[in-house]
Amino acid sequence: MAQNYISRGEVITLPAQTSYISGRPYRIHNFNGVALISVDAGDELSFQLEGVFEFTLPGVNVGDPIYITSQNALTLTAQGNSLFGRAVTASDVNNKFYCRLLQS
């Protein structure tokens, strides 16, 4: 193995600039991910960059691009927002769907 290998990079550790809540989507330093644990500002944040997660958003269809706003809210609106992931299921009756994270 290469002597400079660090990790697979699926989870990175970042210094938390604010508080983060476990399971919520965020865009931090142009990385799309999900906080694995809840932390306060100044703590170390474990930030998952890959995988499929369940979120809530109405009107999602399989294959839809999912965007994230500057306030870290998921949306189907592309304009002014950043690509976050792609839906692998449609929204159910409770507006829950599965989203595969993408890096853009």
Protein backbone atom coordinates (compact mmCIF):
# COMPACT_ATOMS: atom_id res chain seq x y z
CA MET A 1 0.00 0.00 0.00
CA ALA A 2 1.19 3.51 -0.73
CA GLN A 3 2.92 5.02 2.26
CA ASN A 4 0.97 8.27 1.83
CA TYR A 5 -2.48 6.58 1.93
CA ILE A 6 -4.75 8.20 4.53
CA SER A 7 -8.27 6.77 4.14
CA ARG A 8 -11.03 5.94 1.64
CA GLY A 9 -12.37 9.45 2.14
CA GLU A 10 -15.99 8.47 2.72
CA VAL A 11 -15.93 10.28 6.06
CA ILE A 12 -13.85 13.37 6.75
CA THR A 13 -13.30 15.25 9.99
CA LEU A 14 -13.78 19.01 9.95
CA PRO A 15 -13.64 21.63 12.69
CA ALA A 16 -17.23 22.69 13.31
CA GLN A 17 -17.72 26.40 12.61
CA THR A 18 -21.25 26.22 14.04
CA SER A 19 -23.46 23.52 15.55
CA TYR A 20 -24.48 20.59 13.36
CA ILE A 21 -27.23 18.02 13.90
CA SER A 22 -26.72 14.33 13.23
CA GLY A 23 -28.49 13.05 10.12
CA ARG A 24 -29.01 16.45 8.52
CA PRO A 25 -27.66 17.43 5.10
CA TYR A 26 -25.02 20.15 4.84
CA ARG A 27 -22.76 21.76 2.28
CA ILE A 28 -19.47 22.65 3.97
CA HIS A 29 -16.42 23.97 2.10
CA ASN A 30 -18.11 22.83 -1.16
CA PHE A 31 -18.46 19.25 0.16
CA ASN A 32 -21.94 17.69 0.24
CA GLY A 33 -22.53 15.42 3.19
CA VAL A 34 -24.40 14.39 6.28
CA ALA A 35 -23.34 15.04 9.88
CA LEU A 36 -22.78 11.70 11.57
CA ILE A 37 -22.95 13.13 15.08
CA SER A 38 -24.37 16.30 16.59
CA VAL A 39 -21.65 18.78 17.52
CA ASP A 40 -21.26 22.34 18.74
CA ALA A 41 -19.01 25.01 17.26
CA GLY A 42 -15.37 24.21 17.95
CA ASP A 43 -15.92 20.43 18.09
CA GLU A 44 -14.73 17.97 15.47
CA LEU A 45 -17.45 17.06 12.95
CA SER A 46 -17.55 13.60 11.34
CA PHE A 47 -18.94 14.33 7.89
CA GLN A 48 -20.14 11.50 5.61
CA LEU A 49 -19.50 12.29 1.92
CA GLU A 50 -20.83 9.12 0.29
CA GLY A 51 -23.87 6.91 0.57
CA VAL A 52 -27.66 6.87 0.41
CA PHE A 53 -29.64 8.70 3.08
CA GLU A 54 -33.33 9.18 3.87
CA PHE A 55 -34.56 12.78 3.77
CA THR A 56 -37.93 14.52 3.60
CA LEU A 57 -39.00 16.51 0.55
CA PRO A 58 -42.35 16.43 -1.29
CA GLY A 59 -42.66 15.80 -5.01
CA VAL A 60 -39.47 13.83 -5.55
CA ASN A 61 -39.34 11.25 -8.34
CA VAL A 62 -36.72 8.55 -8.92
CA GLY A 63 -33.70 10.06 -10.63
CA ASP A 64 -34.48 13.68 -9.74
CA PRO A 65 -31.48 15.86 -8.99
CA ILE A 66 -31.66 17.14 -5.42
CA TYR A 67 -30.21 20.56 -4.63
CA ILE A 68 -29.15 22.22 -1.38
CA THR A 69 -29.66 25.87 -0.55
CA SER A 70 -27.15 28.14 1.18
CA GLN A 71 -29.24 27.56 4.34
CA ASN A 72 -28.72 23.75 4.00
CA ALA A 73 -32.32 23.01 3.00
CA LEU A 74 -32.97 20.41 0.30
CA THR A 75 -34.95 21.49 -2.75
CA LEU A 76 -35.81 20.47 -6.30
CA THR A 77 -34.95 23.99 -7.52
CA ALA A 78 -31.65 24.23 -9.38
CA GLN A 79 -31.39 27.99 -9.80
CA GLY A 80 -29.13 29.55 -7.17
CA ASN A 81 -28.54 26.23 -5.41
CA SER A 82 -25.86 23.52 -5.46
CA LEU A 83 -26.35 19.95 -6.64
CA PHE A 84 -26.45 17.71 -3.56
CA GLY A 85 -27.50 14.28 -4.80
CA ARG A 86 -29.90 12.22 -6.86
CA ALA A 87 -33.11 10.55 -5.70
CA VAL A 88 -33.07 6.76 -5.73
CA THR A 89 -36.70 6.54 -4.58
CA ALA A 90 -39.73 8.77 -5.01
CA SER A 91 -41.25 10.66 -2.08
CA ASP A 92 -43.66 8.44 -0.17
CA VAL A 93 -46.91 9.53 1.51
CA ASN A 94 -44.81 11.07 4.32
CA ASN A 95 -42.58 12.89 1.78
CA LYS A 96 -39.63 10.68 2.69
CA PHE A 97 -37.24 9.59 -0.05
CA TYR A 98 -33.74 8.12 -0.42
CA CYS A 99 -30.99 10.30 -1.85
CA ARG A 100 -27.55 9.26 -3.07
CA LEU A 101 -25.01 11.94 -2.20
CA LEU A 102 -23.01 13.45 -5.06
CA GLN A 103 -20.01 15.74 -4.96
CA SER A 104 -20.16 18.69 -7.34
